[in-house]
Amino acid sequence: MDSLYSTMNQRIKGKHLSFEERVIIQTRIKDGFSLRAIARELGCSPSTISYEVKRGIVSLYHGKQRRYKADHGQSVYQANRYHCGRKSDFLKKSDFIEYVNKHFSEDDWLLDVCANRSLAIGEFFSNQTVCTRTLYNYVDQGLMD
């Protein structure tokens, strides 16, 4: 095309499909639209629609019929989003957290001293500890006293 402005809906890159868009996909598939036409209507890539259809397929009548269902696609999406993101080290490094709590409350050590001394005397390795900044964040979040 020679035009400078696209007539296609501008979609923000990285934006996830909403439940309403999934319902549109479901109705358009039921009406016999192609994935490319659905993608053009929603302003996204046809591969996005293809992935969504694969995510939301359910088997009906003992596996004889397979259809896309928007609510199933949404529930699979939410389950996948639950597993996304970085996990906290608070539970993984509970031995170190207990060590810090003990010395902080009983011996009146500062959090900096707890973190650095544990490494200096070799009680914990660096992969078993969290940094001082993280300890202060845990205190701010209420995870530590």
N, C-alpha and C. Protein backbone atom coordinates (compact mmCIF):
# COMPACT_ATOMS: atom_id res chain seq x y z
N MET A 1 0.83 -1.18 0.00
CA MET A 1 0.00 0.00 0.00
C MET A 1 0.87 1.24 0.00
N ASP A 2 0.40 2.24 -0.66
CA ASP A 2 1.13 3.49 -0.71
C ASP A 2 0.65 4.49 0.33
N SER A 3 -0.44 4.18 1.02
CA SER A 3 -0.96 5.15 1.98
C SER A 3 -0.10 5.17 3.23
N LEU A 4 -0.03 6.36 3.82
CA LEU A 4 0.77 6.51 5.04
C LEU A 4 0.02 6.08 6.28
N TYR A 5 -1.28 6.08 6.19
CA TYR A 5 -2.09 5.76 7.36
C TYR A 5 -2.85 4.47 7.12
N SER A 6 -2.74 3.57 8.06
CA SER A 6 -3.42 2.30 7.95
C SER A 6 -4.87 2.46 8.38
N THR A 7 -5.76 1.76 7.72
CA THR A 7 -7.17 1.79 8.12
C THR A 7 -7.47 0.72 9.15
N MET A 8 -6.50 -0.12 9.45
CA MET A 8 -6.68 -1.18 10.42
C MET A 8 -6.68 -0.59 11.84
N ASN A 9 -7.44 -1.19 12.73
CA ASN A 9 -7.45 -0.74 14.13
C ASN A 9 -6.05 -0.85 14.70
N GLN A 10 -5.61 0.18 15.36
CA GLN A 10 -4.29 0.16 15.98
C GLN A 10 -4.40 -0.51 17.35
N ARG A 11 -3.69 -1.59 17.51
CA ARG A 11 -3.70 -2.33 18.76
C ARG A 11 -2.36 -2.12 19.44
N ILE A 12 -2.39 -1.95 20.73
CA ILE A 12 -1.17 -1.77 21.50
C ILE A 12 -0.44 -3.11 21.55
N LYS A 13 0.85 -3.10 21.20
CA LYS A 13 1.64 -4.32 21.19
C LYS A 13 1.76 -4.88 22.61
N GLY A 14 1.56 -6.17 22.75
CA GLY A 14 1.67 -6.81 24.05
C GLY A 14 0.37 -6.81 24.84
N LYS A 15 -0.68 -6.20 24.32
CA LYS A 15 -1.97 -6.16 25.02
C LYS A 15 -2.64 -7.51 24.86
N HIS A 16 -3.16 -8.04 25.94
CA HIS A 16 -3.80 -9.34 25.92
C HIS A 16 -5.24 -9.21 25.48
N LEU A 17 -5.79 -10.31 25.00
CA LEU A 17 -7.19 -10.33 24.60
C LEU A 17 -8.08 -10.24 25.82
N SER A 18 -9.16 -9.49 25.72
CA SER A 18 -10.12 -9.39 26.81
C SER A 18 -11.18 -10.47 26.63
N PHE A 19 -12.01 -10.64 27.65
CA PHE A 19 -13.08 -11.63 27.56
C PHE A 19 -14.06 -11.25 26.45
N GLU A 20 -14.32 -9.96 26.30
CA GLU A 20 -15.24 -9.50 25.25
C GLU A 20 -14.70 -9.86 23.87
N GLU A 21 -13.40 -9.71 23.68
CA GLU A 21 -12.79 -10.09 22.40
C GLU A 21 -12.86 -11.59 22.18
N ARG A 22 -12.74 -12.36 23.25
CA ARG A 22 -12.87 -13.81 23.13
C ARG A 22 -14.30 -14.19 22.72
N VAL A 23 -15.28 -13.46 23.24
CA VAL A 23 -16.67 -13.72 22.86
C VAL A 23 -16.86 -13.39 21.38
N ILE A 24 -16.25 -12.31 20.90
CA ILE A 24 -16.32 -11.97 19.48
C ILE A 24 -15.71 -13.08 18.64
N ILE A 25 -14.57 -13.62 19.08
CA ILE A 25 -13.93 -14.72 18.36
C ILE A 25 -14.88 -15.92 18.29
N GLN A 26 -15.51 -16.23 19.42
CA GLN A 26 -16.43 -17.38 19.47
C GLN A 26 -17.59 -17.20 18.50
N THR A 27 -18.20 -16.02 18.49
CA THR A 27 -19.35 -15.80 17.61
C THR A 27 -18.93 -15.77 16.14
N ARG A 28 -17.78 -15.18 15.85
CA ARG A 28 -17.33 -15.13 14.45
C ARG A 28 -16.98 -16.52 13.92
N ILE A 29 -16.38 -17.35 14.75
CA ILE A 29 -16.07 -18.72 14.32
C ILE A 29 -17.37 -19.48 14.07
N LYS A 30 -18.35 -19.27 14.95
CA LYS A 30 -19.64 -19.92 14.78
C LYS A 30 -20.32 -19.48 13.49
N ASP A 31 -20.12 -18.21 13.11
CA ASP A 31 -20.71 -17.67 11.88
C ASP A 31 -19.91 -18.03 10.63
N GLY A 32 -18.75 -18.67 10.79
CA GLY A 32 -17.97 -19.13 9.66
C GLY A 32 -16.92 -18.17 9.16
N PHE A 33 -16.55 -17.17 9.94
CA PHE A 33 -15.51 -16.23 9.53
C PHE A 33 -14.15 -16.92 9.57
N SER A 34 -13.24 -16.46 8.73
CA SER A 34 -11.88 -16.99 8.76
C SER A 34 -11.10 -16.33 9.90
N LEU A 35 -10.02 -16.98 10.29
CA LEU A 35 -9.19 -16.42 11.37
C LEU A 35 -8.60 -15.08 10.95
N ARG A 36 -8.26 -14.96 9.67
CA ARG A 36 -7.70 -13.71 9.18
C ARG A 36 -8.72 -12.57 9.27
N ALA A 37 -9.99 -12.86 8.96
CA ALA A 37 -11.03 -11.83 9.04
C ALA A 37 -11.28 -11.43 10.50
N ILE A 38 -11.25 -12.39 11.39
CA ILE A 38 -11.43 -12.09 12.81
C ILE A 38 -10.27 -11.23 13.31
N ALA A 39 -9.06 -11.59 12.90
CA ALA A 39 -7.88 -10.83 13.31
C ALA A 39 -7.97 -9.40 12.79
N ARG A 40 -8.42 -9.23 11.57
CA ARG A 40 -8.55 -7.89 11.00
C ARG A 40 -9.57 -7.07 11.80
N GLU A 41 -10.67 -7.71 12.18
CA GLU A 41 -11.70 -7.01 12.95
C GLU A 41 -11.18 -6.58 14.33
N LEU A 42 -10.40 -7.44 14.97
CA LEU A 42 -9.90 -7.14 16.32
C LEU A 42 -8.61 -6.33 16.29
N GLY A 43 -7.99 -6.23 15.12
CA GLY A 43 -6.76 -5.45 15.00
C GLY A 43 -5.55 -6.14 15.58
N CYS A 44 -5.48 -7.45 15.41
CA CYS A 44 -4.32 -8.18 15.91
C CYS A 44 -3.86 -9.17 14.84
N SER A 45 -2.83 -9.90 15.14
CA SER A 45 -2.25 -10.84 14.20
C SER A 45 -3.12 -12.09 14.07
N PRO A 46 -3.19 -12.68 12.89
CA PRO A 46 -3.91 -13.94 12.76
C PRO A 46 -3.34 -15.06 13.63
N SER A 47 -2.04 -15.01 13.87
CA SER A 47 -1.45 -16.04 14.75
C SER A 47 -1.96 -15.90 16.18
N THR A 48 -2.25 -14.67 16.62
CA THR A 48 -2.84 -14.47 17.96
C THR A 48 -4.19 -15.16 18.04
N ILE A 49 -4.99 -15.01 17.00
CA ILE A 49 -6.30 -15.65 16.98
C ILE A 49 -6.15 -17.17 16.93
N SER A 50 -5.18 -17.65 16.15
CA SER A 50 -4.94 -19.08 16.05
C SER A 50 -4.54 -19.67 17.41
N TYR A 51 -3.63 -19.00 18.11
CA TYR A 51 -3.22 -19.47 19.45
C TYR A 51 -4.40 -19.46 20.41
N GLU A 52 -5.22 -18.43 20.33
CA GLU A 52 -6.37 -18.32 21.22
C GLU A 52 -7.37 -19.43 20.95
N VAL A 53 -7.59 -19.73 19.69
CA VAL A 53 -8.53 -20.80 19.34
C VAL A 53 -8.01 -22.14 19.87
N LYS A 54 -6.72 -22.40 19.73
CA LYS A 54 -6.14 -23.64 20.27
C LYS A 54 -6.28 -23.70 21.78
N ARG A 55 -6.14 -22.54 22.45
CA ARG A 55 -6.24 -22.48 23.91
C ARG A 55 -7.66 -22.75 24.37
N GLY A 56 -8.65 -22.31 23.60
CA GLY A 56 -10.03 -22.37 24.06
C GLY A 56 -10.86 -23.50 23.51
N ILE A 57 -10.25 -24.46 22.84
CA ILE A 57 -10.99 -25.59 22.26
C ILE A 57 -11.44 -26.52 23.38
N VAL A 58 -12.71 -26.91 23.33
CA VAL A 58 -13.23 -27.91 24.25
C VAL A 58 -13.86 -29.02 23.43
N SER A 59 -13.83 -30.23 23.94
CA SER A 59 -14.44 -31.37 23.26
C SER A 59 -15.85 -31.56 23.77
N LEU A 60 -16.76 -31.75 22.84
CA LEU A 60 -18.16 -31.99 23.18
C LEU A 60 -18.55 -33.39 22.71
N TYR A 61 -19.52 -33.98 23.38
CA TYR A 61 -20.07 -35.27 22.98
C TYR A 61 -18.98 -36.34 22.88
N HIS A 62 -18.27 -36.54 23.95
CA HIS A 62 -17.23 -37.58 24.06
C HIS A 62 -16.13 -37.42 23.01
N GLY A 63 -15.74 -36.18 22.74
CA GLY A 63 -14.63 -35.92 21.85
C GLY A 63 -14.96 -35.93 20.37
N LYS A 64 -16.24 -36.11 20.03
CA LYS A 64 -16.61 -36.16 18.62
C LYS A 64 -16.68 -34.78 17.99
N GLN A 65 -17.01 -33.77 18.78
CA GLN A 65 -17.08 -32.41 18.29
C GLN A 65 -16.16 -31.54 19.12
N ARG A 66 -15.48 -30.61 18.45
CA ARG A 66 -14.59 -29.70 19.15
C ARG A 66 -14.98 -28.29 18.76
N ARG A 67 -15.17 -27.44 19.77
CA ARG A 67 -15.56 -26.05 19.52
C ARG A 67 -14.76 -25.12 20.41
N TYR A 68 -14.65 -23.89 19.92
CA TYR A 68 -14.00 -22.85 20.71
C TYR A 68 -15.03 -22.25 21.66
N LYS A 69 -14.67 -22.15 22.94
CA LYS A 69 -15.53 -21.52 23.94
C LYS A 69 -14.75 -20.39 24.61
N ALA A 70 -15.34 -19.21 24.62
CA ALA A 70 -14.67 -18.03 25.15
C ALA A 70 -14.39 -18.17 26.64
N ASP A 71 -15.35 -18.72 27.39
CA ASP A 71 -15.14 -18.83 28.84
C ASP A 71 -14.03 -19.82 29.16
N HIS A 72 -13.90 -20.88 28.36
CA HIS A 72 -12.79 -21.83 28.58
C HIS A 72 -11.45 -21.18 28.24
N GLY A 73 -11.42 -20.43 27.14
CA GLY A 73 -10.20 -19.71 26.77
C GLY A 73 -9.79 -18.72 27.84
N GLN A 74 -10.76 -18.03 28.44
CA GLN A 74 -10.48 -17.06 29.50
C GLN A 74 -9.95 -17.76 30.75
N SER A 75 -10.54 -18.90 31.10
CA SER A 75 -10.07 -19.61 32.30
C SER A 75 -8.67 -20.17 32.12
N VAL A 76 -8.35 -20.67 30.92
CA VAL A 76 -7.00 -21.17 30.65
C VAL A 76 -6.02 -20.00 30.68
N TYR A 77 -6.40 -18.86 30.12
CA TYR A 77 -5.56 -17.67 30.14
C TYR A 77 -5.26 -17.25 31.58
N GLN A 78 -6.30 -17.21 32.43
CA GLN A 78 -6.09 -16.80 33.82
C GLN A 78 -5.23 -17.79 34.58
N ALA A 79 -5.39 -19.07 34.30
CA ALA A 79 -4.54 -20.08 34.95
C ALA A 79 -3.09 -19.90 34.53
N ASN A 80 -2.86 -19.62 33.25
CA ASN A 80 -1.49 -19.39 32.79
C ASN A 80 -0.90 -18.13 33.39
N ARG A 81 -1.70 -17.08 33.53
CA ARG A 81 -1.21 -15.82 34.10
C ARG A 81 -0.85 -15.99 35.57
N TYR A 82 -1.51 -16.89 36.25
CA TYR A 82 -1.22 -17.14 37.67
C TYR A 82 0.22 -17.63 37.84
N HIS A 83 0.71 -18.38 36.87
CA HIS A 83 2.06 -18.94 36.96
C HIS A 83 3.14 -18.00 36.42
N CYS A 84 2.75 -16.84 35.91
CA CYS A 84 3.71 -15.90 35.34
C CYS A 84 4.40 -15.09 36.43
N GLY A 85 5.51 -14.53 36.06
CA GLY A 85 6.19 -13.59 36.95
C GLY A 85 7.22 -14.26 37.84
N ARG A 86 8.03 -13.41 38.42
CA ARG A 86 9.09 -13.88 39.30
C ARG A 86 8.50 -14.29 40.64
N LYS A 87 8.98 -15.37 41.18
CA LYS A 87 8.51 -15.87 42.47
C LYS A 87 9.40 -15.32 43.58
N SER A 88 8.82 -15.12 44.73
CA SER A 88 9.53 -14.56 45.87
C SER A 88 10.50 -15.58 46.46
N ASP A 89 11.62 -15.08 46.94
CA ASP A 89 12.60 -15.94 47.60
C ASP A 89 12.28 -16.14 49.08
N PHE A 90 11.23 -15.52 49.56
CA PHE A 90 10.92 -15.56 50.99
C PHE A 90 10.73 -16.99 51.49
N LEU A 91 9.98 -17.79 50.77
CA LEU A 91 9.75 -19.17 51.20
C LEU A 91 10.91 -20.08 50.84
N LYS A 92 11.58 -19.81 49.74
CA LYS A 92 12.69 -20.66 49.30
C LYS A 92 13.88 -20.55 50.24
N LYS A 93 14.07 -19.40 50.82
CA LYS A 93 15.25 -19.15 51.66
C LYS A 93 14.83 -18.94 53.12
N SER A 94 13.92 -19.80 53.57
CA SER A 94 13.36 -19.64 54.91
C SER A 94 14.40 -19.84 56.01
N ASP A 95 15.41 -20.67 55.79
CA ASP A 95 16.46 -20.86 56.81
C ASP A 95 17.20 -19.55 57.06
N PHE A 96 17.52 -18.86 55.99
CA PHE A 96 18.21 -17.58 56.13
C PHE A 96 17.30 -16.55 56.81
N ILE A 97 16.03 -16.53 56.46
CA ILE A 97 15.08 -15.58 57.05
C ILE A 97 14.95 -15.85 58.55
N GLU A 98 14.91 -17.12 58.95
CA GLU A 98 14.85 -17.45 60.37
C GLU A 98 16.12 -16.99 61.08
N TYR A 99 17.27 -17.17 60.44
CA TYR A 99 18.54 -16.71 61.00
C TYR A 99 18.51 -15.20 61.23
N VAL A 100 18.03 -14.46 60.24
CA VAL A 100 17.96 -13.00 60.36
C VAL A 100 16.99 -12.60 61.46
N ASN A 101 15.82 -13.23 61.50
CA ASN A 101 14.83 -12.91 62.55
C ASN A 101 15.40 -13.16 63.94
N LYS A 102 16.10 -14.27 64.09
CA LYS A 102 16.66 -14.63 65.40
C LYS A 102 17.68 -13.59 65.86
N HIS A 103 18.65 -13.27 65.00
CA HIS A 103 19.70 -12.34 65.40
C HIS A 103 19.20 -10.89 65.45
N PHE A 104 18.21 -10.57 64.66
CA PHE A 104 17.67 -9.22 64.68
C PHE A 104 16.91 -8.97 65.98
N SER A 105 16.11 -9.96 66.40
CA SER A 105 15.29 -9.76 67.60
C SER A 105 16.05 -10.06 68.90
N GLU A 106 16.86 -11.11 68.92
CA GLU A 106 17.54 -11.51 70.15
C GLU A 106 18.85 -10.77 70.38
N ASP A 107 19.63 -10.58 69.33
CA ASP A 107 20.96 -9.98 69.48
C ASP A 107 21.01 -8.50 69.07
N ASP A 108 19.87 -7.95 68.64
CA ASP A 108 19.76 -6.55 68.22
C ASP A 108 20.72 -6.19 67.09
N TRP A 109 20.91 -7.14 66.15
CA TRP A 109 21.73 -6.85 64.98
C TRP A 109 20.88 -6.07 63.97
N LEU A 110 21.53 -5.24 63.19
CA LEU A 110 20.86 -4.58 62.08
C LEU A 110 20.70 -5.60 60.94
N LEU A 111 19.79 -5.32 60.03
CA LEU A 111 19.60 -6.24 58.90
C LEU A 111 20.85 -6.33 58.03
N ASP A 112 21.56 -5.20 57.91
CA ASP A 112 22.82 -5.22 57.14
C ASP A 112 23.82 -6.17 57.77
N VAL A 113 23.93 -6.12 59.09
CA VAL A 113 24.87 -6.97 59.80
C VAL A 113 24.49 -8.43 59.64
N CYS A 114 23.20 -8.73 59.76
CA CYS A 114 22.74 -10.12 59.61
C CYS A 114 23.11 -10.68 58.24
N ALA A 115 22.85 -9.91 57.20
CA ALA A 115 23.11 -10.37 55.84
C ALA A 115 24.60 -10.54 55.58
N ASN A 116 25.38 -9.54 55.96
CA ASN A 116 26.81 -9.58 55.66
C ASN A 116 27.58 -10.56 56.54
N ARG A 117 27.22 -10.65 57.81
CA ARG A 117 27.94 -11.55 58.72
C ARG A 117 27.69 -13.01 58.35
N SER A 118 26.47 -13.32 57.92
CA SER A 118 26.17 -14.71 57.54
C SER A 118 27.05 -15.16 56.38
N LEU A 119 27.33 -14.24 55.48
CA LEU A 119 28.22 -14.57 54.35
C LEU A 119 29.69 -14.59 54.79
N ALA A 120 30.06 -13.64 55.66
CA ALA A 120 31.46 -13.52 56.06
C ALA A 120 31.94 -14.73 56.85
N ILE A 121 31.11 -15.24 57.75
CA ILE A 121 31.55 -16.39 58.56
C ILE A 121 31.26 -17.72 57.86
N GLY A 122 30.61 -17.67 56.70
CA GLY A 122 30.38 -18.87 55.92
C GLY A 122 29.20 -19.70 56.37
N GLU A 123 28.29 -19.11 57.12
CA GLU A 123 27.12 -19.85 57.56
C GLU A 123 26.16 -20.13 56.39
N PHE A 124 26.10 -19.20 55.46
CA PHE A 124 25.27 -19.34 54.26
C PHE A 124 26.08 -18.96 53.04
N PHE A 125 25.75 -19.59 51.92
CA PHE A 125 26.34 -19.20 50.65
C PHE A 125 25.49 -18.08 50.05
N SER A 126 26.03 -17.40 49.05
CA SER A 126 25.32 -16.26 48.48
C SER A 126 24.01 -16.66 47.80
N ASN A 127 23.91 -17.90 47.30
CA ASN A 127 22.66 -18.33 46.67
C ASN A 127 21.60 -18.74 47.69
N GLN A 128 21.97 -18.77 48.97
CA GLN A 128 21.03 -19.11 50.03
C GLN A 128 20.51 -17.87 50.75
N THR A 129 21.00 -16.70 50.39
CA THR A 129 20.63 -15.47 51.09
C THR A 129 19.92 -14.51 50.14
N VAL A 130 19.36 -13.46 50.71
CA VAL A 130 18.82 -12.35 49.93
C VAL A 130 19.60 -11.11 50.34
N CYS A 131 19.58 -10.09 49.49
CA CYS A 131 20.35 -8.89 49.79
C CYS A 131 19.65 -8.05 50.87
N THR A 132 20.37 -7.09 51.38
CA THR A 132 19.86 -6.23 52.45
C THR A 132 18.63 -5.47 52.00
N ARG A 133 18.63 -4.99 50.79
CA ARG A 133 17.49 -4.25 50.25
C ARG A 133 16.23 -5.12 50.27
N THR A 134 16.38 -6.39 49.92
CA THR A 134 15.25 -7.32 49.93
C THR A 134 14.76 -7.54 51.36
N LEU A 135 15.68 -7.62 52.31
CA LEU A 135 15.27 -7.77 53.71
C LEU A 135 14.43 -6.57 54.17
N TYR A 136 14.86 -5.37 53.81
CA TYR A 136 14.09 -4.18 54.17
C TYR A 136 12.73 -4.16 53.46
N ASN A 137 12.69 -4.65 52.23
CA ASN A 137 11.41 -4.75 51.52
C ASN A 137 10.47 -5.73 52.22
N TYR A 138 11.03 -6.84 52.71
CA TYR A 138 10.21 -7.80 53.45
C TYR A 138 9.64 -7.18 54.71
N VAL A 139 10.42 -6.34 55.38
CA VAL A 139 9.93 -5.65 56.58
C VAL A 139 8.82 -4.68 56.20
N ASP A 140 9.00 -3.94 55.09
CA ASP A 140 7.98 -2.99 54.64
C ASP A 140 6.69 -3.70 54.24
N GLN A 141 6.81 -4.90 53.68
CA GLN A 141 5.64 -5.66 53.25
C GLN A 141 4.96 -6.39 54.41
N GLY A 142 5.59 -6.38 55.57
CA GLY A 142 5.02 -7.05 56.73
C GLY A 142 5.34 -8.53 56.80
N LEU A 143 6.27 -9.00 55.99
CA LEU A 143 6.64 -10.41 56.00
C LEU A 143 7.58 -10.74 57.15
N MET A 144 8.31 -9.70 57.62
CA MET A 144 9.22 -9.87 58.76
C MET A 144 8.87 -8.82 59.80
N ASP A 145 9.22 -9.12 61.05
CA ASP A 145 8.91 -8.17 62.14
C ASP A 145 9.84 -6.99 62.08
